[in-house]
Amino acid sequence: HFPSGSPETFEIILCDEDYYPTPTNDGEIYVQYLVEQQQLDNTV
């Protein structure tokens, strides 16, 4: 992560709506953070 150089480790997961149904049939998204954000000048 520029400029500090501290590494970020996270993952974005898209779920198949056939197996993870929702009221609108839109897909579910999971975002997982193995470590907290290394800088605070970003967007989530």
ModelCIF file with pLDDT and N, C-alpha, C, O atoms, coordinates in Angstrom:
data_MODEL
#
_entry.id   MODEL 
#
_entity.id                         1 
_entity.type                       polymer 
_entity.pdbx_number_of_molecules   1 
#
_entity_poly.entity_id                      1 
_entity_poly.type                           'polypeptide(L)' 
_entity_poly.nstd_linkage                   no 
_entity_poly.nstd_monomer                   no 
_entity_poly.pdbx_seq_one_letter_code       HFPSGSPETFEIILCDEDYYPTPTNDGEIYVQYLVEQQQLDNTV 
_entity_poly.pdbx_seq_one_letter_code_can   HFPSGSPETFEIILCDEDYYPTPTNDGEIYVQYLVEQQQLDNTV 
_entity_poly.pdbx_strand_id                 A 
#
loop_
_entity_poly_seq.entity_id 
_entity_poly_seq.num 
_entity_poly_seq.mon_id 
_entity_poly_seq.hetero 
1 1  HIS n 
1 2  PHE n 
1 3  PRO n 
1 4  SER n 
1 5  GLY n 
1 6  SER n 
1 7  PRO n 
1 8  GLU n 
1 9  THR n 
1 10 PHE n 
1 11 GLU n 
1 12 ILE n 
1 13 ILE n 
1 14 LEU n 
1 15 CYS n 
1 16 ASP n 
1 17 GLU n 
1 18 ASP n 
1 19 TYR n 
1 20 TYR n 
1 21 PRO n 
1 22 THR n 
1 23 PRO n 
1 24 THR n 
1 25 ASN n 
1 26 ASP n 
1 27 GLY n 
1 28 GLU n 
1 29 ILE n 
1 30 TYR n 
1 31 VAL n 
1 32 GLN n 
1 33 TYR n 
1 34 LEU n 
1 35 VAL n 
1 36 GLU n 
1 37 GLN n 
1 38 GLN n 
1 39 GLN n 
1 40 LEU n 
1 41 ASP n 
1 42 ASN n 
1 43 THR n 
1 44 VAL n 
#
_struct_asym.id          A 
_struct_asym.entity_id   1 
#
loop_
_ma_qa_metric.id 
_ma_qa_metric.mode 
_ma_qa_metric.name 
_ma_qa_metric.software_group_id 
_ma_qa_metric.type 
1 global pLDDT . pLDDT 
2 local  pLDDT . pLDDT 
#
_ma_qa_metric_global.metric_id      1 
_ma_qa_metric_global.metric_value   93.57 
_ma_qa_metric_global.model_id       1 
_ma_qa_metric_global.ordinal_id     1 
#
loop_
_ma_qa_metric_local.label_asym_id 
_ma_qa_metric_local.label_comp_id 
_ma_qa_metric_local.label_seq_id 
_ma_qa_metric_local.metric_id 
_ma_qa_metric_local.metric_value 
_ma_qa_metric_local.model_id 
_ma_qa_metric_local.ordinal_id 
A HIS 1  2 95.00 1 1  
A PHE 2  2 94.00 1 2  
A PRO 3  2 93.00 1 3  
A SER 4  2 91.00 1 4  
A GLY 5  2 90.00 1 5  
A SER 6  2 93.00 1 6  
A PRO 7  2 94.00 1 7  
A GLU 8  2 96.00 1 8  
A THR 9  2 97.00 1 9  
A PHE 10 2 98.00 1 10 
A GLU 11 2 98.00 1 11 
A ILE 12 2 98.00 1 12 
A ILE 13 2 97.00 1 13 
A LEU 14 2 97.00 1 14 
A CYS 15 2 94.00 1 15 
A ASP 16 2 92.00 1 16 
A GLU 17 2 88.00 1 17 
A ASP 18 2 85.00 1 18 
A TYR 19 2 84.00 1 19 
A TYR 20 2 87.00 1 20 
A PRO 21 2 85.00 1 21 
A THR 22 2 87.00 1 22 
A PRO 23 2 83.00 1 23 
A THR 24 2 86.00 1 24 
A ASN 25 2 88.00 1 25 
A ASP 26 2 94.00 1 26 
A GLY 27 2 95.00 1 27 
A GLU 28 2 96.00 1 28 
A ILE 29 2 98.00 1 29 
A TYR 30 2 97.00 1 30 
A VAL 31 2 98.00 1 31 
A GLN 32 2 97.00 1 32 
A TYR 33 2 98.00 1 33 
A LEU 34 2 97.00 1 34 
A VAL 35 2 96.00 1 35 
A GLU 36 2 96.00 1 36 
A GLN 37 2 95.00 1 37 
A GLN 38 2 95.00 1 38 
A GLN 39 2 94.00 1 39 
A LEU 40 2 93.00 1 40 
A ASP 41 2 95.00 1 41 
A ASN 42 2 97.00 1 42 
A THR 43 2 98.00 1 43 
A VAL 44 2 98.00 1 44 
#
loop_
_atom_site.group_PDB 
_atom_site.id 
_atom_site.type_symbol 
_atom_site.label_atom_id 
_atom_site.label_alt_id 
_atom_site.label_comp_id 
_atom_site.label_asym_id 
_atom_site.label_entity_id 
_atom_site.label_seq_id 
_atom_site.pdbx_PDB_ins_code 
_atom_site.Cartn_x 
_atom_site.Cartn_y 
_atom_site.Cartn_z 
_atom_site.occupancy 
_atom_site.B_iso_or_equiv 
_atom_site.pdbx_formal_charge 
_atom_site.auth_seq_id 
_atom_site.auth_comp_id 
_atom_site.auth_asym_id 
_atom_site.auth_atom_id 
_atom_site.pdbx_PDB_model_num 
ATOM 1   N N  . HIS A 1 1  ? 0.853   -1.188  0.000  1.00 95.00 ? 1  HIS A N  1 
ATOM 2   C CA . HIS A 1 1  ? 0.000   0.000   0.000  1.00 95.00 ? 1  HIS A CA 1 
ATOM 3   C C  . HIS A 1 1  ? 0.891   1.241   0.000  1.00 95.00 ? 1  HIS A C  1 
ATOM 4   O O  . HIS A 1 1  ? 1.631   1.494   0.950  1.00 95.00 ? 1  HIS A O  1 
ATOM 5   N N  . PHE A 1 2  ? 0.802   2.006   -1.088 1.00 94.00 ? 2  PHE A N  1 
ATOM 6   C CA . PHE A 1 2  ? 1.608   3.234   -1.197 1.00 94.00 ? 2  PHE A CA 1 
ATOM 7   C C  . PHE A 1 2  ? 0.960   4.337   -0.342 1.00 94.00 ? 2  PHE A C  1 
ATOM 8   O O  . PHE A 1 2  ? -0.269  4.409   -0.329 1.00 94.00 ? 2  PHE A O  1 
ATOM 9   N N  . PRO A 1 3  ? 1.696   5.195   0.367  1.00 93.00 ? 3  PRO A N  1 
ATOM 10  C CA . PRO A 1 3  ? 3.161   5.284   0.372  1.00 93.00 ? 3  PRO A CA 1 
ATOM 11  C C  . PRO A 1 3  ? 3.833   4.547   1.528  1.00 93.00 ? 3  PRO A C  1 
ATOM 12  O O  . PRO A 1 3  ? 5.060   4.455   1.568  1.00 93.00 ? 3  PRO A O  1 
ATOM 13  N N  . SER A 1 4  ? 3.036   4.014   2.482  1.00 91.00 ? 4  SER A N  1 
ATOM 14  C CA . SER A 1 4  ? 3.661   3.423   3.665  1.00 91.00 ? 4  SER A CA 1 
ATOM 15  C C  . SER A 1 4  ? 4.412   2.140   3.332  1.00 91.00 ? 4  SER A C  1 
ATOM 16  O O  . SER A 1 4  ? 5.399   1.801   3.984  1.00 91.00 ? 4  SER A O  1 
ATOM 17  N N  . GLY A 1 5  ? 3.930   1.421   2.299  1.00 90.00 ? 5  GLY A N  1 
ATOM 18  C CA . GLY A 1 5  ? 4.536   0.145   1.948  1.00 90.00 ? 5  GLY A CA 1 
ATOM 19  C C  . GLY A 1 5  ? 3.989   -1.019  2.743  1.00 90.00 ? 5  GLY A C  1 
ATOM 20  O O  . GLY A 1 5  ? 4.338   -2.166  2.466  1.00 90.00 ? 5  GLY A O  1 
ATOM 21  N N  . SER A 1 6  ? 3.130   -0.753  3.736  1.00 93.00 ? 6  SER A N  1 
ATOM 22  C CA . SER A 1 6  ? 2.564   -1.827  4.549  1.00 93.00 ? 6  SER A CA 1 
ATOM 23  C C  . SER A 1 6  ? 1.643   -2.699  3.692  1.00 93.00 ? 6  SER A C  1 
ATOM 24  O O  . SER A 1 6  ? 0.827   -2.163  2.942  1.00 93.00 ? 6  SER A O  1 
ATOM 25  N N  . PRO A 1 7  ? 1.752   -4.023  3.784  1.00 94.00 ? 7  PRO A N  1 
ATOM 26  C CA . PRO A 1 7  ? 0.974   -4.903  2.909  1.00 94.00 ? 7  PRO A CA 1 
ATOM 27  C C  . PRO A 1 7  ? -0.465  -5.088  3.383  1.00 94.00 ? 7  PRO A C  1 
ATOM 28  O O  . PRO A 1 7  ? -0.724  -5.176  4.583  1.00 94.00 ? 7  PRO A O  1 
ATOM 29  N N  . GLU A 1 8  ? -1.396  -5.148  2.434  1.00 96.00 ? 8  GLU A N  1 
ATOM 30  C CA . GLU A 1 8  ? -2.807  -5.422  2.693  1.00 96.00 ? 8  GLU A CA 1 
ATOM 31  C C  . GLU A 1 8  ? -3.130  -6.838  2.233  1.00 96.00 ? 8  GLU A C  1 
ATOM 32  O O  . GLU A 1 8  ? -2.705  -7.259  1.157  1.00 96.00 ? 8  GLU A O  1 
ATOM 33  N N  . THR A 1 9  ? -3.880  -7.567  3.044  1.00 97.00 ? 9  THR A N  1 
ATOM 34  C CA . THR A 1 9  ? -4.337  -8.904  2.672  1.00 97.00 ? 9  THR A CA 1 
ATOM 35  C C  . THR A 1 9  ? -5.837  -8.998  2.940  1.00 97.00 ? 9  THR A C  1 
ATOM 36  O O  . THR A 1 9  ? -6.288  -8.934  4.083  1.00 97.00 ? 9  THR A O  1 
ATOM 37  N N  . PHE A 1 10 ? -6.590  -9.150  1.863  1.00 98.00 ? 10 PHE A N  1 
ATOM 38  C CA . PHE A 1 10 ? -8.052  -9.244  1.967  1.00 98.00 ? 10 PHE A CA 1 
ATOM 39  C C  . PHE A 1 10 ? -8.561  -10.018 0.766  1.00 98.00 ? 10 PHE A C  1 
ATOM 40  O O  . PHE A 1 10 ? -7.814  -10.265 -0.180 1.00 98.00 ? 10 PHE A O  1 
ATOM 41  N N  . GLU A 1 11 ? -9.829  -10.401 0.800  1.00 98.00 ? 11 GLU A N  1 
ATOM 42  C CA . GLU A 1 11 ? -10.404 -11.137 -0.325 1.00 98.00 ? 11 GLU A CA 1 
ATOM 43  C C  . GLU A 1 11 ? -11.853 -10.724 -0.546 1.00 98.00 ? 11 GLU A C  1 
ATOM 44  O O  . GLU A 1 11 ? -12.570 -10.367 0.388  1.00 98.00 ? 11 GLU A O  1 
ATOM 45  N N  . ILE A 1 12 ? -12.261 -10.783 -1.811 1.00 98.00 ? 12 ILE A N  1 
ATOM 46  C CA . ILE A 1 12 ? -13.623 -10.485 -2.230 1.00 98.00 ? 12 ILE A CA 1 
ATOM 47  C C  . ILE A 1 12 ? -14.242 -11.773 -2.760 1.00 98.00 ? 12 ILE A C  1 
ATOM 48  O O  . ILE A 1 12 ? -13.643 -12.450 -3.596 1.00 98.00 ? 12 ILE A O  1 
ATOM 49  N N  . ILE A 1 13 ? -15.437 -12.118 -2.278 1.00 97.00 ? 13 ILE A N  1 
ATOM 50  C CA . ILE A 1 13 ? -16.074 -13.389 -2.620 1.00 97.00 ? 13 ILE A CA 1 
ATOM 51  C C  . ILE A 1 13 ? -17.439 -13.115 -3.240 1.00 97.00 ? 13 ILE A C  1 
ATOM 52  O O  . ILE A 1 13 ? -18.273 -12.441 -2.637 1.00 97.00 ? 13 ILE A O  1 
ATOM 53  N N  . LEU A 1 14 ? -17.668 -13.638 -4.449 1.00 97.00 ? 14 LEU A N  1 
ATOM 54  C CA . LEU A 1 14 ? -18.959 -13.540 -5.120 1.00 97.00 ? 14 LEU A CA 1 
ATOM 55  C C  . LEU A 1 14 ? -19.668 -14.880 -5.001 1.00 97.00 ? 14 LEU A C  1 
ATOM 56  O O  . LEU A 1 14 ? -19.079 -15.924 -5.280 1.00 97.00 ? 14 LEU A O  1 
ATOM 57  N N  . CYS A 1 15 ? -20.945 -14.855 -4.583 1.00 94.00 ? 15 CYS A N  1 
ATOM 58  C CA . CYS A 1 15 ? -21.702 -16.087 -4.341 1.00 94.00 ? 15 CYS A CA 1 
ATOM 59  C C  . CYS A 1 15 ? -22.699 -16.341 -5.464 1.00 94.00 ? 15 CYS A C  1 
ATOM 60  O O  . CYS A 1 15 ? -23.362 -15.418 -5.938 1.00 94.00 ? 15 CYS A O  1 
ATOM 61  N N  . ASP A 1 16 ? -22.799 -17.588 -5.881 1.00 92.00 ? 16 ASP A N  1 
ATOM 62  C CA . ASP A 1 16 ? -23.748 -18.004 -6.910 1.00 92.00 ? 16 ASP A CA 1 
ATOM 63  C C  . ASP A 1 16 ? -25.161 -17.897 -6.346 1.00 92.00 ? 16 ASP A C  1 
ATOM 64  O O  . ASP A 1 16 ? -25.488 -18.554 -5.357 1.00 92.00 ? 16 ASP A O  1 
ATOM 65  N N  . GLU A 1 17 ? -25.998 -17.072 -6.970 1.00 88.00 ? 17 GLU A N  1 
ATOM 66  C CA . GLU A 1 17 ? -27.330 -16.808 -6.449 1.00 88.00 ? 17 GLU A CA 1 
ATOM 67  C C  . GLU A 1 17 ? -28.208 -18.051 -6.442 1.00 88.00 ? 17 GLU A C  1 
ATOM 68  O O  . GLU A 1 17 ? -29.167 -18.114 -5.672 1.00 88.00 ? 17 GLU A O  1 
ATOM 69  N N  . ASP A 1 18 ? -27.908 -19.043 -7.278 1.00 85.00 ? 18 ASP A N  1 
ATOM 70  C CA . ASP A 1 18 ? -28.679 -20.286 -7.248 1.00 85.00 ? 18 ASP A CA 1 
ATOM 71  C C  . ASP A 1 18 ? -28.564 -20.980 -5.896 1.00 85.00 ? 18 ASP A C  1 
ATOM 72  O O  . ASP A 1 18 ? -29.474 -21.703 -5.489 1.00 85.00 ? 18 ASP A O  1 
ATOM 73  N N  . TYR A 1 19 ? -27.465 -20.768 -5.206 1.00 84.00 ? 19 TYR A N  1 
ATOM 74  C CA . TYR A 1 19 ? -27.219 -21.429 -3.927 1.00 84.00 ? 19 TYR A CA 1 
ATOM 75  C C  . TYR A 1 19 ? -27.225 -20.463 -2.754 1.00 84.00 ? 19 TYR A C  1 
ATOM 76  O O  . TYR A 1 19 ? -27.239 -20.891 -1.600 1.00 84.00 ? 19 TYR A O  1 
ATOM 77  N N  . TYR A 1 20 ? -27.213 -19.165 -3.033 1.00 87.00 ? 20 TYR A N  1 
ATOM 78  C CA . TYR A 1 20 ? -27.280 -18.132 -1.996 1.00 87.00 ? 20 TYR A CA 1 
ATOM 79  C C  . TYR A 1 20 ? -28.362 -17.130 -2.415 1.00 87.00 ? 20 TYR A C  1 
ATOM 80  O O  . TYR A 1 20 ? -28.047 -15.990 -2.754 1.00 87.00 ? 20 TYR A O  1 
ATOM 81  N N  . PRO A 1 21 ? -29.639 -17.548 -2.393 1.00 85.00 ? 21 PRO A N  1 
ATOM 82  C CA . PRO A 1 21 ? -30.707 -16.705 -2.933 1.00 85.00 ? 21 PRO A CA 1 
ATOM 83  C C  . PRO A 1 21 ? -30.971 -15.475 -2.068 1.00 85.00 ? 21 PRO A C  1 
ATOM 84  O O  . PRO A 1 21 ? -30.763 -15.491 -0.855 1.00 85.00 ? 21 PRO A O  1 
ATOM 85  N N  . THR A 1 22 ? -31.432 -14.413 -2.717 1.00 87.00 ? 22 THR A N  1 
ATOM 86  C CA . THR A 1 22 ? -31.788 -13.180 -2.043 1.00 87.00 ? 22 THR A CA 1 
ATOM 87  C C  . THR A 1 22 ? -33.155 -12.715 -2.523 1.00 87.00 ? 22 THR A C  1 
ATOM 88  O O  . THR A 1 22 ? -33.641 -13.211 -3.539 1.00 87.00 ? 22 THR A O  1 
ATOM 89  N N  . PRO A 1 23 ? -33.787 -11.785 -1.829 1.00 83.00 ? 23 PRO A N  1 
ATOM 90  C CA . PRO A 1 23 ? -35.129 -11.335 -2.242 1.00 83.00 ? 23 PRO A CA 1 
ATOM 91  C C  . PRO A 1 23 ? -35.176 -10.750 -3.642 1.00 83.00 ? 23 PRO A C  1 
ATOM 92  O O  . PRO A 1 23 ? -36.196 -10.867 -4.321 1.00 83.00 ? 23 PRO A O  1 
ATOM 93  N N  . THR A 1 24 ? -34.091 -10.120 -4.091 1.00 86.00 ? 24 THR A N  1 
ATOM 94  C CA . THR A 1 24 ? -34.081 -9.480  -5.403 1.00 86.00 ? 24 THR A CA 1 
ATOM 95  C C  . THR A 1 24 ? -33.375 -10.308 -6.468 1.00 86.00 ? 24 THR A C  1 
ATOM 96  O O  . THR A 1 24 ? -33.303 -9.899  -7.627 1.00 86.00 ? 24 THR A O  1 
ATOM 97  N N  . ASN A 1 25 ? -32.856 -11.468 -6.084 1.00 88.00 ? 25 ASN A N  1 
ATOM 98  C CA . ASN A 1 25 ? -32.048 -12.330 -6.950 1.00 88.00 ? 25 ASN A CA 1 
ATOM 99  C C  . ASN A 1 25 ? -30.694 -11.727 -7.284 1.00 88.00 ? 25 ASN A C  1 
ATOM 100 O O  . ASN A 1 25 ? -29.994 -12.241 -8.156 1.00 88.00 ? 25 ASN A O  1 
ATOM 101 N N  . ASP A 1 26 ? -30.308 -10.644 -6.610 1.00 94.00 ? 26 ASP A N  1 
ATOM 102 C CA . ASP A 1 26 ? -28.961 -10.108 -6.763 1.00 94.00 ? 26 ASP A CA 1 
ATOM 103 C C  . ASP A 1 26 ? -27.984 -10.961 -5.965 1.00 94.00 ? 26 ASP A C  1 
ATOM 104 O O  . ASP A 1 26 ? -28.345 -11.554 -4.949 1.00 94.00 ? 26 ASP A O  1 
ATOM 105 N N  . GLY A 1 27 ? -26.741 -11.016 -6.438 1.00 95.00 ? 27 GLY A N  1 
ATOM 106 C CA . GLY A 1 27 ? -25.737 -11.820 -5.781 1.00 95.00 ? 27 GLY A CA 1 
ATOM 107 C C  . GLY A 1 27 ? -25.242 -11.221 -4.470 1.00 95.00 ? 27 GLY A C  1 
ATOM 108 O O  . GLY A 1 27 ? -25.246 -10.005 -4.279 1.00 95.00 ? 27 GLY A O  1 
ATOM 109 N N  . GLU A 1 28 ? -24.821 -12.099 -3.584 1.00 96.00 ? 28 GLU A N  1 
ATOM 110 C CA . GLU A 1 28 ? -24.218 -11.665 -2.328 1.00 96.00 ? 28 GLU A CA 1 
ATOM 111 C C  . GLU A 1 28 ? -22.709 -11.542 -2.501 1.00 96.00 ? 28 GLU A C  1 
ATOM 112 O O  . GLU A 1 28 ? -22.092 -12.276 -3.273 1.00 96.00 ? 28 GLU A O  1 
ATOM 113 N N  . ILE A 1 29 ? -22.130 -10.592 -1.763 1.00 98.00 ? 29 ILE A N  1 
ATOM 114 C CA . ILE A 1 29 ? -20.697 -10.326 -1.815 1.00 98.00 ? 29 ILE A CA 1 
ATOM 115 C C  . ILE A 1 29 ? -20.151 -10.326 -0.402 1.00 98.00 ? 29 ILE A C  1 
ATOM 116 O O  . ILE A 1 29 ? -20.672 -9.640  0.477  1.00 98.00 ? 29 ILE A O  1 
ATOM 117 N N  . TYR A 1 30 ? -19.100 -11.097 -0.191 1.00 97.00 ? 30 TYR A N  1 
ATOM 118 C CA . TYR A 1 30 ? -18.391 -11.076 1.086  1.00 97.00 ? 30 TYR A CA 1 
ATOM 119 C C  . TYR A 1 30 ? -17.013 -10.461 0.848  1.00 97.00 ? 30 TYR A C  1 
ATOM 120 O O  . TYR A 1 30 ? -16.344 -10.765 -0.139 1.00 97.00 ? 30 TYR A O  1 
ATOM 121 N N  . VAL A 1 31 ? -16.607 -9.594  1.769  1.00 98.00 ? 31 VAL A N  1 
ATOM 122 C CA . VAL A 1 31 ? -15.249 -9.062  1.748  1.00 98.00 ? 31 VAL A CA 1 
ATOM 123 C C  . VAL A 1 31 ? -14.634 -9.373  3.098  1.00 98.00 ? 31 VAL A C  1 
ATOM 124 O O  . VAL A 1 31 ? -15.161 -8.975  4.137  1.00 98.00 ? 31 VAL A O  1 
ATOM 125 N N  . GLN A 1 32 ? -13.510 -10.089 3.080  1.00 97.00 ? 32 GLN A N  1 
ATOM 126 C CA . GLN A 1 32 ? -12.870 -10.520 4.324  1.00 97.00 ? 32 GLN A CA 1 
ATOM 127 C C  . GLN A 1 32 ? -11.480 -9.902  4.436  1.00 97.00 ? 32 GLN A C  1 
ATOM 128 O O  . GLN A 1 32 ? -10.736 -9.813  3.458  1.00 97.00 ? 32 GLN A O  1 
ATOM 129 N N  . TYR A 1 33 ? -11.151 -9.478  5.655  1.00 98.00 ? 33 TYR A N  1 
ATOM 130 C CA . TYR A 1 33 ? -9.879  -8.814  5.927  1.00 98.00 ? 33 TYR A CA 1 
ATOM 131 C C  . TYR A 1 33 ? -9.088  -9.669  6.907  1.00 98.00 ? 33 TYR A C  1 
ATOM 132 O O  . TYR A 1 33 ? -9.456  -9.813  8.073  1.00 98.00 ? 33 TYR A O  1 
ATOM 133 N N  . LEU A 1 34 ? -7.984  -10.236 6.401  1.00 97.00 ? 34 LEU A N  1 
ATOM 134 C CA . LEU A 1 34 ? -7.140  -11.030 7.283  1.00 97.00 ? 34 LEU A CA 1 
ATOM 135 C C  . LEU A 1 34 ? -6.460  -10.138 8.309  1.00 97.00 ? 34 LEU A C  1 
ATOM 136 O O  . LEU A 1 34 ? -6.274  -10.530 9.461  1.00 97.00 ? 34 LEU A O  1 
ATOM 137 N N  . VAL A 1 35 ? -6.093  -8.940  7.886  1.00 96.00 ? 35 VAL A N  1 
ATOM 138 C CA . VAL A 1 35 ? -5.534  -7.937  8.800  1.00 96.00 ? 35 VAL A CA 1 
ATOM 139 C C  . VAL A 1 35 ? -6.290  -6.632  8.594  1.00 96.00 ? 35 VAL A C  1 
ATOM 140 O O  . VAL A 1 35 ? -6.876  -6.407  7.535  1.00 96.00 ? 35 VAL A O  1 
ATOM 141 N N  . GLU A 1 36 ? -6.276  -5.770  9.613  1.00 96.00 ? 36 GLU A N  1 
ATOM 142 C CA . GLU A 1 36 ? -6.960  -4.497  9.499  1.00 96.00 ? 36 GLU A CA 1 
ATOM 143 C C  . GLU A 1 36 ? -6.299  -3.629  8.433  1.00 96.00 ? 36 GLU A C  1 
ATOM 144 O O  . GLU A 1 36 ? -5.172  -3.899  8.019  1.00 96.00 ? 36 GLU A O  1 
ATOM 145 N N  . GLN A 1 37 ? -7.000  -2.590  7.990  1.00 95.00 ? 37 GLN A N  1 
ATOM 146 C CA . GLN A 1 37 ? -6.458  -1.686  6.983  1.00 95.00 ? 37 GLN A CA 1 
ATOM 147 C C  . GLN A 1 37 ? -5.141  -1.069  7.474  1.00 95.00 ? 37 GLN A C  1 
ATOM 148 O O  . GLN A 1 37 ? -5.033  -0.612  8.612  1.00 95.00 ? 37 GLN A O  1 
ATOM 149 N N  . GLN A 1 38 ? -4.159  -1.073  6.589  1.00 95.00 ? 38 GLN A N  1 
ATOM 150 C CA . GLN A 1 38 ? -2.842  -0.572  6.970  1.00 95.00 ? 38 GLN A CA 1 
ATOM 151 C C  . GLN A 1 38 ? -2.723  0.937   6.784  1.00 95.00 ? 38 GLN A C  1 
ATOM 152 O O  . GLN A 1 38 ? -1.822  1.562   7.344  1.00 95.00 ? 38 GLN A O  1 
ATOM 153 N N  . GLN A 1 39 ? -3.623  1.523   6.003  1.00 94.00 ? 39 GLN A N  1 
ATOM 154 C CA . GLN A 1 39 ? -3.695  2.973   5.853  1.00 94.00 ? 39 GLN A CA 1 
ATOM 155 C C  . GLN A 1 39 ? -5.159  3.390   5.882  1.00 94.00 ? 39 GLN A C  1 
ATOM 156 O O  . GLN A 1 39 ? -6.049  2.575   5.637  1.00 94.00 ? 39 GLN A O  1 
ATOM 157 N N  . LEU A 1 40 ? -5.404  4.652   6.178  1.00 93.00 ? 40 LEU A N  1 
ATOM 158 C CA . LEU A 1 40 ? -6.775  5.116   6.373  1.00 93.00 ? 40 LEU A CA 1 
ATOM 159 C C  . LEU A 1 40 ? -7.184  6.163   5.350  1.00 93.00 ? 40 LEU A C  1 
ATOM 160 O O  . LEU A 1 40 ? -8.121  6.925   5.590  1.00 93.00 ? 40 LEU A O  1 
ATOM 161 N N  . ASP A 1 41 ? -6.490  6.212   4.202  1.00 95.00 ? 41 ASP A N  1 
ATOM 162 C CA . ASP A 1 41 ? -6.840  7.165   3.152  1.00 95.00 ? 41 ASP A CA 1 
ATOM 163 C C  . ASP A 1 41 ? -7.408  6.436   1.946  1.00 95.00 ? 41 ASP A C  1 
ATOM 164 O O  . ASP A 1 41 ? -7.030  6.724   0.810  1.00 95.00 ? 41 ASP A O  1 
ATOM 165 N N  . ASN A 1 42 ? -8.312  5.495   2.181  1.00 97.00 ? 42 ASN A N  1 
ATOM 166 C CA . ASN A 1 42 ? -8.854  4.667   1.106  1.00 97.00 ? 42 ASN A CA 1 
ATOM 167 C C  . ASN A 1 42 ? -10.365 4.558   1.229  1.00 97.00 ? 42 ASN A C  1 
ATOM 168 O O  . ASN A 1 42 ? -10.972 5.158   2.116  1.00 97.00 ? 42 ASN A O  1 
ATOM 169 N N  . THR A 1 43 ? -10.976 3.771   0.314  1.00 98.00 ? 43 THR A N  1 
ATOM 170 C CA . THR A 1 43 ? -12.427 3.621   0.247  1.00 98.00 ? 43 THR A CA 1 
ATOM 171 C C  . THR A 1 43 ? -12.809 2.146   0.349  1.00 98.00 ? 43 THR A C  1 
ATOM 172 O O  . THR A 1 43 ? -12.182 1.282   -0.263 1.00 98.00 ? 43 THR A O  1 
ATOM 173 N N  . VAL A 1 44 ? -13.850 1.880   1.135  1.00 98.00 ? 44 VAL A N  1 
ATOM 174 C CA . VAL A 1 44 ? -14.436 0.542   1.255  1.00 98.00 ? 44 VAL A CA 1 
ATOM 175 C C  . VAL A 1 44 ? -15.931 0.670   0.995  1.00 98.00 ? 44 VAL A C  1 
ATOM 176 O O  . VAL A 1 44 ? -16.653 -0.326  1.040  1.00 98.00 ? 44 VAL A O  1 
#
